[in-house]
């Protein structure tokens, strides 16, 4: 593609070659935090320790409602996520998944 105008200015066979390179780049996965997996681990550990959500909230410093909301898989505040992962004795990386772009 040219810098001005966004048009291909080379021969067609070079475009096909460059298109295949582009398709390889597009296969790269994006890394995302898996809050559903975090919730599953949190709930399993809570049950193993025979604790209520309120008790887990007190130990982690994260509100019980926030802990329960992790089940929905939405975005989390970093401080809360780190506190939960730390309480679990896990590494943040264990809750990272790759998704296609």
Protein backbone atom coordinates (compact mmCIF):
# COMPACT_ATOMS: atom_id res chain seq x y z
CA UNK A 1 0.00 0.00 0.00
CA UNK A 2 1.22 3.43 -0.71
CA UNK A 3 1.65 5.85 2.14
CA UNK A 4 -0.65 8.31 0.40
CA UNK A 5 -4.06 7.09 -0.58
CA UNK A 6 -3.91 3.54 0.78
CA UNK A 7 -3.58 1.92 -2.69
CA UNK A 8 -1.42 -1.04 -3.73
CA UNK A 9 1.12 0.21 -6.25
CA UNK A 10 3.02 -3.01 -6.94
CA UNK A 11 2.44 -6.00 -9.20
CA UNK A 12 -0.50 -8.32 -8.21
CA UNK A 13 1.77 -11.26 -7.29
CA UNK A 14 3.47 -9.16 -4.62
CA UNK A 15 0.09 -8.21 -3.21
CA UNK A 16 -0.82 -11.89 -2.84
CA UNK A 17 2.46 -12.52 -1.04
CA UNK A 18 1.89 -9.62 1.28
CA UNK A 19 -1.73 -10.71 1.84
CA UNK A 20 -0.52 -14.09 3.07
CA UNK A 21 1.82 -12.35 5.50
CA UNK A 22 -1.08 -10.23 6.70
CA UNK A 23 -3.25 -13.30 7.24
CA UNK A 24 -0.49 -14.81 9.42
CA UNK A 25 -0.39 -11.64 11.49
CA UNK A 26 -4.15 -11.71 11.93
CA UNK A 27 -3.97 -15.24 13.39
CA UNK A 28 -2.16 -13.89 16.42
CA UNK A 29 -4.22 -14.20 19.56
CA UNK A 30 -5.04 -11.45 22.00
CA UNK A 31 -4.46 -12.20 25.67
CA UNK A 32 -7.34 -11.52 28.02
CA UNK A 33 -7.95 -11.96 31.71
CA UNK A 34 -10.45 -14.78 32.33
CA UNK A 35 -12.59 -13.52 35.20
CA UNK A 36 -14.90 -16.55 34.88
CA UNK A 37 -11.96 -18.86 35.61
CA UNK A 38 -11.01 -16.62 38.54
CA UNK A 39 -14.54 -16.92 39.93
CA UNK A 40 -14.48 -20.71 39.61
CA UNK A 41 -11.16 -20.91 41.46
CA UNK A 42 -12.40 -18.45 44.09
CA UNK A 43 -15.62 -20.35 44.69
CA UNK A 44 -13.81 -23.70 44.90
CA UNK A 45 -11.33 -22.32 47.42
CA UNK A 46 -14.13 -20.67 49.40
CA UNK A 47 -15.97 -23.98 49.61
CA UNK A 48 -12.76 -25.87 50.46
CA UNK A 49 -12.17 -23.50 53.37
CA UNK A 50 -15.87 -23.65 54.28
CA UNK A 51 -16.16 -19.86 54.19
CA UNK A 52 -19.01 -17.49 53.40
CA UNK A 53 -18.66 -14.76 50.80
CA UNK A 54 -18.57 -12.25 53.66
CA UNK A 55 -15.61 -14.05 55.23
CA UNK A 56 -13.75 -14.16 51.92
CA UNK A 57 -14.49 -10.46 51.46
CA UNK A 58 -13.01 -9.67 54.85
CA UNK A 59 -9.84 -11.68 54.18
CA UNK A 60 -9.30 -10.34 50.65
CA UNK A 61 -10.39 -6.76 51.27
CA UNK A 62 -12.77 -7.03 48.29
CA UNK A 63 -16.50 -6.52 48.87
CA UNK A 64 -18.72 -9.60 48.88
CA UNK A 65 -20.86 -8.16 46.08
CA UNK A 66 -17.76 -7.60 43.92
CA UNK A 67 -16.63 -11.15 44.62
CA UNK A 68 -20.00 -12.53 43.53
CA UNK A 69 -20.07 -10.29 40.45
CA UNK A 70 -16.87 -11.89 39.16
CA UNK A 71 -19.15 -14.78 38.23
CA UNK A 72 -20.60 -12.61 35.46
CA UNK A 73 -17.22 -12.41 33.77
CA UNK A 74 -17.08 -8.65 33.38
CA UNK A 75 -14.13 -6.35 33.76
CA UNK A 76 -12.56 -6.12 37.17
CA UNK A 77 -10.60 -3.47 38.97
CA UNK A 78 -6.94 -4.41 39.05
CA UNK A 79 -6.63 -4.02 42.83
CA UNK A 80 -9.49 -6.44 43.47
CA UNK A 81 -8.21 -8.94 40.93
CA UNK A 82 -4.73 -8.90 42.47
CA UNK A 83 -6.14 -9.31 45.97
CA UNK A 84 -8.21 -12.31 44.91
CA UNK A 85 -5.37 -13.96 42.99
CA UNK A 86 -3.07 -13.40 45.96
CA UNK A 87 -5.61 -14.90 48.38
CA UNK A 88 -5.82 -17.95 46.11
CA UNK A 89 -2.04 -18.29 46.16
CA UNK A 90 -2.08 -18.30 42.36
CA UNK A 91 -0.31 -16.38 39.62
CA UNK A 92 -2.18 -13.85 37.51
CA UNK A 93 -0.87 -15.64 34.42
CA UNK A 94 -2.92 -18.71 35.33
CA UNK A 95 -6.06 -16.71 34.54
CA UNK A 96 -4.93 -15.43 31.13
CA UNK A 97 -6.48 -16.91 28.01
CA UNK A 98 -5.84 -16.25 24.36
CA UNK A 99 -8.63 -15.28 22.03
CA UNK A 100 -8.37 -14.81 18.26
CA UNK A 101 -8.28 -11.23 17.09
